[in-house]
Amino acid sequence: MIKGFFESFSYPAYIIIPLAVLKILGVIIVLWRPCNCLTEWTYAGFFFNLILATAAHQYAGDSLLGFSFYGLIVIFPSYFLGKYLRD
């Protein structure tokens, strides 16, 4: 199923596993917060991933208001609220 989505966007199928592993590690880093620098880089990675996913869905002819766009809406309050609580 996921492989079909990636191939419909003309992405190679071998990128699925590394991307999934990095997303899981990113969630662990955001929840664990070993250091501020690593947390900032993790949020930046999620942001760029969601921007590129939204663009890929738009260019593929899907609606702009997909799950990746909603992910962008959710990541901003998460980042700024976490930053507010840490400082």
PDB file of N, CA and C in Angstrom:
ATOM      1  N   MET A   1       0.818  -1.185   0.000  1.00  0.00           N
ATOM      2  CA  MET A   1       0.000   0.000   0.000  1.00  0.00           C
ATOM      3  C   MET A   1       0.870   1.259   0.000  1.00  0.00           C
ATOM      4  N   ILE A   2       1.786   1.366   0.945  1.00  0.00           N
ATOM      5  CA  ILE A   2       2.666   2.529   1.016  1.00  0.00           C
ATOM      6  C   ILE A   2       3.562   2.581  -0.214  1.00  0.00           C
ATOM      7  N   LYS A   3       4.041   1.429  -0.642  1.00  0.00           N
ATOM      8  CA  LYS A   3       4.896   1.368  -1.825  1.00  0.00           C
ATOM      9  C   LYS A   3       4.163   1.927  -3.043  1.00  0.00           C
ATOM     10  N   GLY A   4       2.893   1.641  -3.160  1.00  0.00           N
ATOM     11  CA  GLY A   4       2.095   2.159  -4.267  1.00  0.00           C
ATOM     12  C   GLY A   4       1.979   3.672  -4.234  1.00  0.00           C
ATOM     13  N   PHE A   5       1.821   4.234  -3.025  1.00  0.00           N
ATOM     14  CA  PHE A   5       1.757   5.689  -2.902  1.00  0.00           C
ATOM     15  C   PHE A   5       3.068   6.333  -3.343  1.00  0.00           C
ATOM     16  N   PHE A   6       4.172   5.780  -2.887  1.00  0.00           N
ATOM     17  CA  PHE A   6       5.469   6.347  -3.243  1.00  0.00           C
ATOM     18  C   PHE A   6       5.725   6.233  -4.742  1.00  0.00           C
ATOM     19  N   GLU A   7       5.364   5.105  -5.320  1.00  0.00           N
ATOM     20  CA  GLU A   7       5.571   4.933  -6.757  1.00  0.00           C
ATOM     21  C   GLU A   7       4.639   5.824  -7.567  1.00  0.00           C
ATOM     22  N   SER A   8       3.449   6.130  -7.050  1.00  0.00           N
ATOM     23  CA  SER A   8       2.554   7.033  -7.774  1.00  0.00           C
ATOM     24  C   SER A   8       3.093   8.461  -7.784  1.00  0.00           C
ATOM     25  N   PHE A   9       3.933   8.795  -6.801  1.00  0.00           N
ATOM     26  CA  PHE A   9       4.582  10.103  -6.773  1.00  0.00           C
ATOM     27  C   PHE A   9       5.940  10.088  -7.464  1.00  0.00           C
ATOM     28  N   SER A  10       6.295   8.973  -8.078  1.00  0.00           N
ATOM     29  CA  SER A  10       7.577   8.776  -8.777  1.00  0.00           C
ATOM     30  C   SER A  10       8.769   8.793  -7.823  1.00  0.00           C
ATOM     31  N   TYR A  11       8.566   8.362  -6.589  1.00  0.00           N
ATOM     32  CA  TYR A  11       9.660   8.215  -5.644  1.00  0.00           C
ATOM     33  C   TYR A  11      10.085   6.756  -5.617  1.00  0.00           C
ATOM     34  N   PRO A  12      11.362   6.475  -5.370  1.00  0.00           N
ATOM     35  CA  PRO A  12      11.804   5.074  -5.305  1.00  0.00           C
ATOM     36  C   PRO A  12      11.276   4.400  -4.038  1.00  0.00           C
ATOM     37  N   ALA A  13      11.027   3.116  -4.154  1.00  0.00           N
ATOM     38  CA  ALA A  13      10.451   2.366  -3.027  1.00  0.00           C
ATOM     39  C   ALA A  13      11.457   2.147  -1.901  1.00  0.00           C
ATOM     40  N   TYR A  14      12.765   2.203  -2.214  1.00  0.00           N
ATOM     41  CA  TYR A  14      13.761   1.931  -1.170  1.00  0.00           C
ATOM     42  C   TYR A  14      13.845   3.044  -0.130  1.00  0.00           C
ATOM     43  N   ILE A  15      13.208   4.160  -0.355  1.00  0.00           N
ATOM     44  CA  ILE A  15      13.269   5.271   0.596  1.00  0.00           C
ATOM     45  C   ILE A  15      12.263   5.110   1.743  1.00  0.00           C
ATOM     46  N   ILE A  16      11.351   4.160   1.619  1.00  0.00           N
ATOM     47  CA  ILE A  16      10.287   4.002   2.613  1.00  0.00           C
ATOM     48  C   ILE A  16      10.844   3.621   3.981  1.00  0.00           C
ATOM     49  N   ILE A  17      11.699   2.618   4.041  1.00  0.00           N
ATOM     50  CA  ILE A  17      12.214   2.128   5.330  1.00  0.00           C
ATOM     51  C   ILE A  17      13.075   3.184   6.035  1.00  0.00           C
ATOM     52  N   PRO A  18      14.066   3.810   5.368  1.00  0.00           N
ATOM     53  CA  PRO A  18      14.841   4.837   6.079  1.00  0.00           C
ATOM     54  C   PRO A  18      13.987   6.015   6.547  1.00  0.00           C
ATOM     55  N   LEU A  19      13.013   6.408   5.742  1.00  0.00           N
ATOM     56  CA  LEU A  19      12.148   7.514   6.132  1.00  0.00           C
ATOM     57  C   LEU A  19      11.310   7.149   7.355  1.00  0.00           C
ATOM     58  N   ALA A  20      10.808   5.932   7.398  1.00  0.00           N
ATOM     59  CA  ALA A  20      10.017   5.480   8.550  1.00  0.00           C
ATOM     60  C   ALA A  20      10.873   5.409   9.811  1.00  0.00           C
ATOM     61  N   VAL A  21      12.090   4.890   9.682  1.00  0.00           N
ATOM     62  CA  VAL A  21      12.986   4.788  10.838  1.00  0.00           C
ATOM     63  C   VAL A  21      13.328   6.178  11.368  1.00  0.00           C
ATOM     64  N   LEU A  22      13.622   7.110  10.474  1.00  0.00           N
ATOM     65  CA  LEU A  22      13.962   8.465  10.906  1.00  0.00           C
ATOM     66  C   LEU A  22      12.775   9.173  11.551  1.00  0.00           C
ATOM     67  N   LYS A  23      11.577   8.924  11.064  1.00  0.00           N
ATOM     68  CA  LYS A  23      10.399   9.531  11.691  1.00  0.00           C
ATOM     69  C   LYS A  23      10.179   8.978  13.096  1.00  0.00           C
ATOM     70  N   ILE A  24      10.374   7.692  13.275  1.00  0.00           N
ATOM     71  CA  ILE A  24      10.225   7.092  14.606  1.00  0.00           C
ATOM     72  C   ILE A  24      11.292   7.634  15.552  1.00  0.00           C
ATOM     73  N   LEU A  25      12.534   7.729  15.080  1.00  0.00           N
ATOM     74  CA  LEU A  25      13.599   8.317  15.902  1.00  0.00           C
ATOM     75  C   LEU A  25      13.298   9.777  16.230  1.00  0.00           C
ATOM     76  N   GLY A  26      12.722  10.498  15.273  1.00  0.00           N
ATOM     77  CA  GLY A  26      12.357  11.892  15.509  1.00  0.00           C
ATOM     78  C   GLY A  26      11.318  12.036  16.603  1.00  0.00           C
ATOM     79  N   VAL A  27      10.323  11.176  16.600  1.00  0.00           N
ATOM     80  CA  VAL A  27       9.299  11.216  17.650  1.00  0.00           C
ATOM     81  C   VAL A  27       9.922  10.905  19.006  1.00  0.00           C
ATOM     82  N   ILE A  28      10.827   9.940  19.045  1.00  0.00           N
ATOM     83  CA  ILE A  28      11.505   9.602  20.304  1.00  0.00           C
ATOM     84  C   ILE A  28      12.319  10.791  20.800  1.00  0.00           C
ATOM     85  N   ILE A  29      13.015  11.468  19.908  1.00  0.00           N
ATOM     86  CA  ILE A  29      13.827  12.622  20.306  1.00  0.00           C
ATOM     87  C   ILE A  29      12.953  13.759  20.807  1.00  0.00           C
ATOM     88  N   VAL A  30      11.826  14.009  20.138  1.00  0.00           N
ATOM     89  CA  VAL A  30      10.937  15.087  20.577  1.00  0.00           C
ATOM     90  C   VAL A  30      10.358  14.779  21.957  1.00  0.00           C
ATOM     91  N   LEU A  31      10.006  13.541  22.208  1.00  0.00           N
ATOM     92  CA  LEU A  31       9.435  13.189  23.510  1.00  0.00           C
ATOM     93  C   LEU A  31      10.493  13.116  24.609  1.00  0.00           C
ATOM     94  N   TRP A  32      11.689  12.643  24.271  1.00  0.00           N
ATOM     95  CA  TRP A  32      12.745  12.464  25.263  1.00  0.00           C
ATOM     96  C   TRP A  32      13.518  13.758  25.505  1.00  0.00           C
ATOM     97  N   ARG A  33      13.728  14.557  24.484  1.00  0.00           N
ATOM     98  CA  ARG A  33      14.453  15.836  24.521  1.00  0.00           C
ATOM     99  C   ARG A  33      15.830  15.718  25.170  1.00  0.00           C
ATOM    100  N   PRO A  34      16.749  14.963  24.536  1.00  0.00           N
ATOM    101  CA  PRO A  34      18.081  14.815  25.129  1.00  0.00           C
ATOM    102  C   PRO A  34      18.859  16.133  25.176  1.00  0.00           C
ATOM    103  N   CYS A  35      18.710  16.968  24.153  1.00  0.00           N
ATOM    104  CA  CYS A  35      19.316  18.301  24.170  1.00  0.00           C
ATOM    105  C   CYS A  35      18.502  19.209  23.250  1.00  0.00           C
ATOM    106  N   ASN A  36      18.566  20.502  23.515  1.00  0.00           N
ATOM    107  CA  ASN A  36      17.761  21.453  22.745  1.00  0.00           C
ATOM    108  C   ASN A  36      18.152  21.487  21.279  1.00  0.00           C
ATOM    109  N   CYS A  37      19.437  21.376  21.003  1.00  0.00           N
ATOM    110  CA  CYS A  37      19.908  21.438  19.615  1.00  0.00           C
ATOM    111  C   CYS A  37      19.330  20.291  18.789  1.00  0.00           C
ATOM    112  N   LEU A  38      19.352  19.105  19.338  1.00  0.00           N
ATOM    113  CA  LEU A  38      18.831  17.936  18.633  1.00  0.00           C
ATOM    114  C   LEU A  38      17.319  18.032  18.440  1.00  0.00           C
ATOM    115  N   THR A  39      16.631  18.582  19.425  1.00  0.00           N
ATOM    116  CA  THR A  39      15.182  18.764  19.306  1.00  0.00           C
ATOM    117  C   THR A  39      14.859  19.774  18.211  1.00  0.00           C
ATOM    118  N   GLU A  40      15.629  20.853  18.139  1.00  0.00           N
ATOM    119  CA  GLU A  40      15.411  21.860  17.088  1.00  0.00           C
ATOM    120  C   GLU A  40      15.618  21.254  15.702  1.00  0.00           C
ATOM    121  N   TRP A  41      16.663  20.462  15.543  1.00  0.00           N
ATOM    122  CA  TRP A  41      16.922  19.820  14.253  1.00  0.00           C
ATOM    123  C   TRP A  41      15.818  18.829  13.898  1.00  0.00           C
ATOM    124  N   THR A  42      15.289  18.164  14.904  1.00  0.00           N
ATOM    125  CA  THR A  42      14.211  17.205  14.655  1.00  0.00           C
ATOM    126  C   THR A  42      12.958  17.918  14.173  1.00  0.00           C
ATOM    127  N   TYR A  43      12.602  19.000  14.822  1.00  0.00           N
ATOM    128  CA  TYR A  43      11.441  19.770  14.366  1.00  0.00           C
ATOM    129  C   TYR A  43      11.673  20.331  12.963  1.00  0.00           C
ATOM    130  N   ALA A  44      12.890  20.764  12.675  1.00  0.00           N
ATOM    131  CA  ALA A  44      13.194  21.257  11.329  1.00  0.00           C
ATOM    132  C   ALA A  44      13.030  20.142  10.296  1.00  0.00           C
ATOM    133  N   GLY A  45      13.485  18.946  10.637  1.00  0.00           N
ATOM    134  CA  GLY A  45      13.322  17.815   9.726  1.00  0.00           C
ATOM    135  C   GLY A  45      11.864  17.482   9.481  1.00  0.00           C
ATOM    136  N   PHE A  46      11.059  17.490  10.540  1.00  0.00           N
ATOM    137  CA  PHE A  46       9.623  17.246  10.375  1.00  0.00           C
ATOM    138  C   PHE A  46       8.981  18.332   9.513  1.00  0.00           C
ATOM    139  N   PHE A  47       9.377  19.578   9.739  1.00  0.00           N
ATOM    140  CA  PHE A  47       8.809  20.690   8.976  1.00  0.00           C
ATOM    141  C   PHE A  47       9.112  20.541   7.486  1.00  0.00           C
ATOM    142  N   PHE A  48      10.381  20.309   7.150  1.00  0.00           N
ATOM    143  CA  PHE A  48      10.737  20.174   5.734  1.00  0.00           C
ATOM    144  C   PHE A  48      10.109  18.930   5.111  1.00  0.00           C
ATOM    145  N   ASN A  49      10.014  17.859   5.868  1.00  0.00           N
ATOM    146  CA  ASN A  49       9.362  16.652   5.368  1.00  0.00           C
ATOM    147  C   ASN A  49       7.896  16.933   5.045  1.00  0.00           C
ATOM    148  N   LEU A  50       7.213  17.646   5.929  1.00  0.00           N
ATOM    149  CA  LEU A  50       5.801  17.949   5.695  1.00  0.00           C
ATOM    150  C   LEU A  50       5.608  18.949   4.562  1.00  0.00           C
ATOM    151  N   ILE A  51       6.505  19.913   4.424  1.00  0.00           N
ATOM    152  CA  ILE A  51       6.422  20.856   3.295  1.00  0.00           C
ATOM    153  C   ILE A  51       6.572  20.105   1.982  1.00  0.00           C
ATOM    154  N   LEU A  52       7.573  19.245   1.896  1.00  0.00           N
ATOM    155  CA  LEU A  52       7.799  18.491   0.658  1.00  0.00           C
ATOM    156  C   LEU A  52       6.678  17.490   0.398  1.00  0.00           C
ATOM    157  N   ALA A  53       6.122  16.895   1.444  1.00  0.00           N
ATOM    158  CA  ALA A  53       5.003  15.966   1.261  1.00  0.00           C
ATOM    159  C   ALA A  53       3.767  16.703   0.759  1.00  0.00           C
ATOM    160  N   THR A  54       3.511  17.889   1.290  1.00  0.00           N
ATOM    161  CA  THR A  54       2.372  18.679   0.821  1.00  0.00           C
ATOM    162  C   THR A  54       2.558  19.065  -0.637  1.00  0.00           C
ATOM    163  N   ALA A  55       3.769  19.469  -1.006  1.00  0.00           N
ATOM    164  CA  ALA A  55       4.040  19.820  -2.407  1.00  0.00           C
ATOM    165  C   ALA A  55       3.898  18.605  -3.317  1.00  0.00           C
ATOM    166  N   ALA A  56       4.362  17.446  -2.870  1.00  0.00           N
ATOM    167  CA  ALA A  56       4.249  16.234  -3.683  1.00  0.00           C
ATOM    168  C   ALA A  56       2.791  15.860  -3.913  1.00  0.00           C
ATOM    169  N   HIS A  57       1.981  15.985  -2.881  1.00  0.00           N
ATOM    170  CA  HIS A  57       0.558  15.688  -3.039  1.00  0.00           C
ATOM    171  C   HIS A  57      -0.103  16.689  -3.985  1.00  0.00           C
ATOM    172  N   GLN A  58       0.281  17.941  -3.880  1.00  0.00           N
ATOM    173  CA  GLN A  58      -0.294  18.963  -4.756  1.00  0.00           C
ATOM    174  C   GLN A  58       0.087  18.703  -6.211  1.00  0.00           C
ATOM    175  N   TYR A  59       1.348  18.396  -6.474  1.00  0.00           N
ATOM    176  CA  TYR A  59       1.798  18.139  -7.849  1.00  0.00           C
ATOM    177  C   TYR A  59       1.237  16.836  -8.410  1.00  0.00           C
ATOM    178  N   ALA A  60       0.894  15.897  -7.534  1.00  0.00           N
ATOM    179  CA  ALA A  60       0.319  14.630  -7.993  1.00  0.00           C
ATOM    180  C   ALA A  60      -1.164  14.767  -8.310  1.00  0.00           C
ATOM    181  N   GLY A  61      -1.732  15.912  -8.007  1.00  0.00           N
ATOM    182  CA  GLY A  61      -3.140  16.132  -8.315  1.00  0.00           C
ATOM    183  C   GLY A  61      -4.066  15.877  -7.146  1.00  0.00           C
ATOM    184  N   ASP A  62      -3.504  15.560  -5.986  1.00  0.00           N
ATOM    185  CA  ASP A  62      -4.344  15.382  -4.801  1.00  0.00           C
ATOM    186  C   ASP A  62      -4.747  16.752  -4.273  1.00  0.00           C
ATOM    187  N   SER A  63      -5.673  16.752  -3.378  1.00  0.00           N
ATOM    188  CA  SER A  63      -6.110  17.994  -2.766  1.00  0.00           C
ATOM    189  C   SER A  63      -5.002  18.543  -1.863  1.00  0.00           C
ATOM    190  N   LEU A  64      -4.918  19.862  -1.769  1.00  0.00           N
ATOM    191  CA  LEU A  64      -3.908  20.488  -0.912  1.00  0.00           C
ATOM    192  C   LEU A  64      -4.188  20.187   0.557  1.00  0.00           C
ATOM    193  N   LEU A  65      -5.445  20.064   0.911  1.00  0.00           N
ATOM    194  CA  LEU A  65      -5.808  19.848   2.311  1.00  0.00           C
ATOM    195  C   LEU A  65      -5.780  18.369   2.660  1.00  0.00           C
ATOM    196  N   GLY A  66      -4.601  17.783   2.584  1.00  0.00           N
ATOM    197  CA  GLY A  66      -4.421  16.381   2.942  1.00  0.00           C
ATOM    198  C   GLY A  66      -3.809  16.252   4.317  1.00  0.00           C
ATOM    199  N   PHE A  67      -3.428  15.031   4.664  1.00  0.00           N
ATOM    200  CA  PHE A  67      -2.862  14.776   5.986  1.00  0.00           C
ATOM    201  C   PHE A  67      -1.546  15.515   6.197  1.00  0.00           C
ATOM    202  N   SER A  68      -0.760  15.685   5.146  1.00  0.00           N
ATOM    203  CA  SER A  68       0.514  16.386   5.311  1.00  0.00           C
ATOM    204  C   SER A  68       0.283  17.856   5.650  1.00  0.00           C
ATOM    205  N   PHE A  69      -0.733  18.460   5.068  1.00  0.00           N
ATOM    206  CA  PHE A  69      -1.048  19.854   5.382  1.00  0.00           C
ATOM    207  C   PHE A  69      -1.541  19.976   6.821  1.00  0.00           C
ATOM    208  N   TYR A  70      -2.353  19.029   7.257  1.00  0.00           N
ATOM    209  CA  TYR A  70      -2.813  19.040   8.645  1.00  0.00           C
ATOM    210  C   TYR A  70      -1.645  18.799   9.602  1.00  0.00           C
ATOM    211  N   GLY A  71      -0.675  18.025   9.175  1.00  0.00           N
ATOM    212  CA  GLY A  71       0.524  17.836   9.978  1.00  0.00           C
ATOM    213  C   GLY A  71       1.285  19.137  10.169  1.00  0.00           C
ATOM    214  N   LEU A  72       1.320  19.961   9.118  1.00  0.00           N
ATOM    215  CA  LEU A  72       1.956  21.274   9.237  1.00  0.00           C
ATOM    216  C   LEU A  72       1.225  22.144  10.249  1.00  0.00           C
ATOM    217  N   ILE A  73      -0.088  22.066  10.249  1.00  0.00           N
ATOM    218  CA  ILE A  73      -0.870  22.861  11.198  1.00  0.00           C
ATOM    219  C   ILE A  73      -0.606  22.405  12.630  1.00  0.00           C
ATOM    220  N   VAL A  74      -0.400  21.119  12.834  1.00  0.00           N
ATOM    221  CA  VAL A  74      -0.187  20.577  14.180  1.00  0.00           C
ATOM    222  C   VAL A  74       1.237  20.813  14.673  1.00  0.00           C
ATOM    223  N   ILE A  75       2.208  20.838  13.771  1.00  0.00           N
ATOM    224  CA  ILE A  75       3.605  20.927  14.208  1.00  0.00           C
ATOM    225  C   ILE A  75       3.947  22.311  14.784  1.00  0.00           C
ATOM    226  N   PHE A  76       3.305  23.366  14.291  1.00  0.00           N
ATOM    227  CA  PHE A  76       3.615  24.701  14.802  1.00  0.00           C
ATOM    228  C   PHE A  76       3.230  24.879  16.271  1.00  0.00           C
ATOM    229  N   PRO A  77       1.992  24.564  16.677  1.00  0.00           N
ATOM    230  CA  PRO A  77       1.696  24.678  18.121  1.00  0.00           C
ATOM    231  C   PRO A  77       2.556  23.751  18.975  1.00  0.00           C
ATOM    232  N   SER A  78       2.859  22.572  18.467  1.00  0.00           N
ATOM    233  CA  SER A  78       3.700  21.641  19.217  1.00  0.00           C
ATOM    234  C   SER A  78       5.073  22.247  19.466  1.00  0.00           C
ATOM    235  N   TYR A  79       5.659  22.826  18.434  1.00  0.00           N
ATOM    236  CA  TYR A  79       6.995  23.404  18.567  1.00  0.00           C
ATOM    237  C   TYR A  79       6.986  24.606  19.516  1.00  0.00           C
ATOM    238  N   PHE A  80       6.073  25.546  19.271  1.00  0.00           N
ATOM    239  CA  PHE A  80       6.088  26.775  20.058  1.00  0.00           C
ATOM    240  C   PHE A  80       5.627  26.550  21.498  1.00  0.00           C
ATOM    241  N   LEU A  81       4.684  25.657  21.720  1.00  0.00           N
ATOM    242  CA  LEU A  81       4.275  25.352  23.086  1.00  0.00           C
ATOM    243  C   LEU A  81       5.398  24.640  23.839  1.00  0.00           C
ATOM    244  N   GLY A  82       6.072  23.710  23.172  1.00  0.00           N
ATOM    245  CA  GLY A  82       7.202  23.039  23.804  1.00  0.00           C
ATOM    246  C   GLY A  82       8.331  24.002  24.121  1.00  0.00           C
ATOM    247  N   LYS A  83       8.590  24.927  23.212  1.00  0.00           N
ATOM    248  CA  LYS A  83       9.634  25.931  23.440  1.00  0.00           C
ATOM    249  C   LYS A  83       9.248  26.855  24.600  1.00  0.00           C
ATOM    250  N   TYR A  84       7.971  27.231  24.661  1.00  0.00           N
ATOM    251  CA  TYR A  84       7.495  28.086  25.750  1.00  0.00           C
ATOM    252  C   TYR A  84       7.632  27.386  27.106  1.00  0.00           C
ATOM    253  N   LEU A  85       7.291  26.108  27.149  1.00  0.00           N
ATOM    254  CA  LEU A  85       7.364  25.371  28.409  1.00  0.00           C
ATOM    255  C   LEU A  85       8.800  25.098  28.839  1.00  0.00           C
ATOM    256  N   ARG A  86       9.716  24.954  27.870  1.00  0.00           N
ATOM    257  CA  ARG A  86      11.125  24.707  28.204  1.00  0.00           C
ATOM    258  C   ARG A  86      11.817  25.961  28.695  1.00  0.00           C
ATOM    259  N   ASP A  87      11.424  27.115  28.183  1.00  0.00           N
ATOM    260  CA  ASP A  87      12.108  28.375  28.540  1.00  0.00           C
ATOM    261  C   ASP A  87      11.531  29.040  29.756  1.00  0.00           C
TER     262      ASP A  87
END
